[in-house]
Each structure stands twice: as C-alpha cells, then as structure tokens.
C-alpha cells in the first residue's frame, strides 16, 4: 500500500492524529482538548527521579533504534499502534518527521518516547519502558532538549495520571489551534 506522507503530515499540522481501532482500522481523530507537557517552570517530576538523574544510570539517544521504540510502544495488551501505523511511523521517520527519543542502559534500550516533529511542535505519540525509570528519564531529557531548541509545545494528546505527575495540563481546541499556527511558523530541530 502506498501512503501520501505529505497528506499525513498535513493531517497532523491541522491538529488531528492517527489511531487504529480494535480491528486495526486506521482513522484520524481530533479532540476538544489536548494535553501538553509544560516546557516552562510548570514542568515537574518526583524527587526520587532526580536521584536517578543524578546517578546518570541512563544515556540518551535520538533515533538510535527507532523501530525498537515503535515496537516497544505498540507492545501492550490493547494498542492503537497497528502494524499499518507502525509502517506509517517508519515512513515519517524516513521523511524526517518521526523521532524516537531514547534512554539506554549500556547497550540495552531502557525506554523511549515516539513523537512527530512539525515546525516547533513535538507531538508525542506514545512512550514505553523496559527498565524502570527509563521512560521518565526520557521525558525529563526530552523536555530539556525541546526547551533548548525553542519548541512551542510538547503535545501529549491525552491526559493520564502518569503525565499529571510531570505537570501536564489541558489546552482547549481554540488555544491549541493558535499555538499550532505559531509552531508551524518555526523551524525547530530535535537533532
């Protein structure tokens, strides 16, 4: 099957995201509100995580093993990352839009965050860990990177208790669309 990558990127640039249903059928979804990970002083994390960061147990990499991160994100009992969506992420990666932000412990992939970069927007698609704290360290280091690179926002799409611990907050669609417009006018690079 052929995919129109430009059309897929345009879908994300309009504020939609792809998800597969329980029968692996892909559809575009929108939301009345989105969840953002703050890139300002509202970003926080547990003190226990600061100890892990201080121990420097993990190294960070970008796109060292993109496909393993996608597979890790899809590897759950119920997943919205179908085999077809995994192919699309691979094509987005090859086109310079999809990234894996990874933590490693030696030569073992500890965790990672899968995201799409369009302008100054980082759209987090999913995250996972294989070694405890792997994805949390990835979150802290990714936020540092997005700040350094002057990204407008880190869209985590949907709220959950895990993200709330990092200071995640909701943005209504009207505000989201305004920020998305700003983000699309920037040229930010993760690498």
Protein backbone atom coordinates (compact mmCIF):
# COMPACT_ATOMS: atom_id res chain seq x y z
CA UNK A 1 0.00 0.00 0.00
CA UNK A 2 1.22 3.49 -0.91
CA UNK A 3 0.97 6.31 1.64
CA UNK A 4 0.86 10.02 0.93
CA UNK A 5 3.30 11.27 3.57
CA UNK A 6 2.61 14.93 2.74
CA UNK A 7 -1.11 14.36 3.37
CA UNK A 8 -0.37 12.57 6.66
CA UNK A 9 1.88 15.42 7.81
CA UNK A 10 -0.85 17.88 6.79
CA UNK A 11 -3.34 15.95 8.95
CA UNK A 12 -1.09 16.35 11.99
CA UNK A 13 -0.47 20.00 11.06
CA UNK A 14 -4.24 20.57 11.25
CA UNK A 15 -4.40 19.10 14.76
CA UNK A 16 -5.52 15.53 14.00
CA UNK A 17 -3.78 12.29 14.92
CA UNK A 18 -3.92 8.71 13.64
CA UNK A 19 -5.10 5.78 15.75
CA UNK A 20 -6.15 2.22 14.98
CA UNK A 21 -9.32 0.74 16.47
CA UNK A 22 -9.63 -2.76 17.96
CA UNK A 23 -9.87 -4.19 14.42
CA UNK A 24 -6.67 -2.38 13.37
CA UNK A 25 -8.56 0.06 11.13
CA UNK A 26 -6.78 3.43 10.99
CA UNK A 27 -8.70 6.68 11.36
CA UNK A 28 -7.99 10.33 12.00
CA UNK A 29 -9.06 11.69 15.39
CA UNK A 30 -9.38 15.17 16.82
CA UNK A 31 -10.01 16.30 20.37
CA UNK A 32 -11.79 19.21 22.05
CA UNK A 33 -8.86 19.47 24.40
CA UNK A 34 -5.27 18.34 24.26
CA UNK A 35 -2.76 17.54 26.97
CA UNK A 36 0.52 19.47 26.99
CA UNK A 37 3.71 18.67 28.86
CA UNK A 38 4.92 22.09 30.03
CA UNK A 39 8.16 23.44 28.62
CA UNK A 40 8.30 26.14 31.32
CA UNK A 41 8.58 26.20 35.12
CA UNK A 42 5.33 24.20 35.46
CA UNK A 43 7.24 21.08 34.41
CA UNK A 44 7.94 18.94 37.48
CA UNK A 45 8.83 15.41 38.47
CA UNK A 46 9.23 13.36 41.66
CA UNK A 47 12.32 13.88 43.84
CA UNK A 48 13.07 10.16 43.51
CA UNK A 49 13.54 10.74 39.78
CA UNK A 50 16.08 13.50 40.49
CA UNK A 51 18.17 10.91 42.34
CA UNK A 52 18.03 8.62 39.29
CA UNK A 53 19.07 11.53 37.05
CA UNK A 54 21.96 12.36 39.38
CA UNK A 55 23.18 8.75 39.24
CA UNK A 56 23.48 9.02 35.44
CA UNK A 57 22.41 5.39 35.00
CA UNK A 58 20.98 6.11 31.56
CA UNK A 59 22.38 7.64 28.42
CA UNK A 60 20.14 9.44 25.94
CA UNK A 61 19.98 8.98 22.17
CA UNK A 62 17.77 10.11 19.33
CA UNK A 63 16.82 7.60 16.62
CA UNK A 64 19.46 5.06 17.69
CA UNK A 65 16.82 2.32 17.34
CA UNK A 66 13.64 3.93 16.06
CA UNK A 67 11.92 0.66 15.16
CA UNK A 68 12.56 -0.84 18.61
CA UNK A 69 10.92 2.20 20.22
CA UNK A 70 7.87 1.89 17.94
CA UNK A 71 7.69 -1.83 18.73
CA UNK A 72 8.03 -1.10 22.46
CA UNK A 73 5.23 1.47 22.32
CA UNK A 74 2.98 -0.97 20.43
CA UNK A 75 3.74 -3.91 22.75
CA UNK A 76 0.78 -3.80 25.13
CA UNK A 77 -2.36 -5.79 25.69
CA UNK A 78 -4.52 -3.25 23.87
CA UNK A 79 -2.73 -0.95 21.47
CA UNK A 80 -3.80 1.68 18.99
CA UNK A 81 -0.45 1.31 17.16
CA UNK A 82 -1.39 -1.24 14.50
CA UNK A 83 1.11 -2.84 12.10
CA UNK A 84 -0.08 -0.38 9.43
CA UNK A 85 0.51 2.59 11.73
CA UNK A 86 3.99 1.21 12.52
CA UNK A 87 4.72 1.32 8.76
CA UNK A 88 3.48 4.91 8.59
CA UNK A 89 5.72 5.90 11.51
CA UNK A 90 8.66 4.30 9.68
CA UNK A 91 7.88 6.34 6.54
CA UNK A 92 7.52 9.50 8.65
CA UNK A 93 10.88 8.69 10.24
CA UNK A 94 12.50 8.22 6.82
CA UNK A 95 11.00 11.56 5.74
CA UNK A 96 12.42 13.37 8.80
CA UNK A 97 9.15 13.85 10.75
CA UNK A 98 9.07 10.98 13.27
CA UNK A 99 11.64 10.57 16.03
CA UNK A 100 12.44 8.25 18.88
CA UNK A 101 13.88 9.88 21.97
CA UNK A 102 15.56 7.03 23.84
CA UNK A 103 17.22 6.10 27.10
CA UNK A 104 19.82 3.35 27.20
CA UNK A 105 21.49 1.44 29.99
CA UNK A 106 24.69 0.24 28.41
CA UNK A 107 23.58 -1.50 25.22
CA UNK A 108 20.03 -2.16 26.48
CA UNK A 109 17.15 0.05 25.36
CA UNK A 110 15.64 1.25 28.66
CA UNK A 111 12.72 3.28 27.35
CA UNK A 112 11.66 5.85 24.87
CA UNK A 113 9.20 8.38 23.54
CA UNK A 114 7.87 8.26 19.98
CA UNK A 115 6.95 11.63 18.51
CA UNK A 116 6.34 13.64 15.38
CA UNK A 117 8.06 16.98 14.80
CA UNK A 118 6.38 19.57 12.62
CA UNK A 119 7.88 23.04 12.85
CA UNK A 120 8.02 23.93 16.55
CA UNK A 121 5.54 21.25 17.61
CA UNK A 122 6.56 17.98 19.23
CA UNK A 123 3.57 15.65 19.06
CA UNK A 124 4.14 12.78 21.46
CA UNK A 125 2.56 9.63 20.12
CA UNK A 126 3.49 7.12 22.81
CA UNK A 127 6.10 6.10 25.36
CA UNK A 128 7.29 2.88 26.97
CA UNK A 129 9.96 1.46 29.22
CA UNK A 130 11.77 -1.84 29.63
CA UNK A 131 13.91 -0.77 32.60
CA UNK A 132 12.18 1.07 35.47
CA UNK A 133 12.53 4.87 35.20
CA UNK A 134 13.64 4.57 31.55
CA UNK A 135 10.68 6.48 30.09
CA UNK A 136 10.62 9.03 32.94
CA UNK A 137 14.27 9.94 32.37
CA UNK A 138 13.47 10.18 28.64
CA UNK A 139 10.65 12.62 29.47
CA UNK A 140 12.91 14.90 31.54
CA UNK A 141 15.70 14.87 28.96
CA UNK A 142 13.28 15.41 26.08
CA UNK A 143 11.75 18.46 27.79
CA UNK A 144 15.29 19.86 28.27
CA UNK A 145 16.00 19.30 24.57
CA UNK A 146 12.71 20.89 23.44
CA UNK A 147 13.43 23.95 25.61
CA UNK A 148 16.95 24.31 24.20
CA UNK A 149 15.64 24.02 20.65
CA UNK A 150 12.85 26.60 21.25
CA UNK A 151 9.89 24.32 20.53
CA UNK A 152 6.48 25.96 21.03
CA UNK A 153 4.89 22.94 22.70
CA UNK A 154 5.01 19.25 23.61
CA UNK A 155 1.61 17.78 22.80
CA UNK A 156 0.98 14.56 24.73
CA UNK A 157 -2.53 14.30 23.25
CA UNK A 158 -4.44 12.65 26.14
CA UNK A 159 -4.19 13.13 29.91
CA UNK A 160 -3.36 10.26 32.23
CA UNK A 161 -2.17 10.08 35.87
CA UNK A 162 1.43 9.41 34.76
CA UNK A 163 1.57 12.64 32.73
CA UNK A 164 -0.11 14.65 35.51
CA UNK A 165 2.93 13.88 37.71
CA UNK A 166 5.02 15.92 35.24
CA UNK A 167 2.69 18.93 35.42
CA UNK A 168 0.72 18.08 32.27
CA UNK A 169 -2.23 20.37 31.66
CA UNK A 170 -5.16 20.60 29.25
CA UNK A 171 -5.43 23.08 26.39
CA UNK A 172 -8.81 23.70 24.72
CA UNK A 173 -9.03 23.40 20.95
CA UNK A 174 -9.17 27.14 20.20
CA UNK A 175 -5.95 27.79 22.14
CA UNK A 176 -4.40 24.64 20.66
CA UNK A 177 -5.09 25.83 17.11
CA UNK A 178 -3.44 29.20 17.85
CA UNK A 179 -0.35 27.55 19.31
CA UNK A 180 -0.24 25.10 16.42
CA UNK A 181 -0.26 28.02 13.96
CA UNK A 182 2.71 29.57 15.87
CA UNK A 183 4.53 26.24 15.90
CA UNK A 184 4.12 25.74 12.15
CA UNK A 185 5.86 29.08 11.54
CA UNK A 186 9.03 27.88 13.33
CA UNK A 187 11.78 25.60 12.15
CA UNK A 188 12.90 23.59 15.15
CA UNK A 189 15.11 20.54 15.01
CA UNK A 190 15.36 17.73 17.54
CA UNK A 191 18.77 16.57 16.29
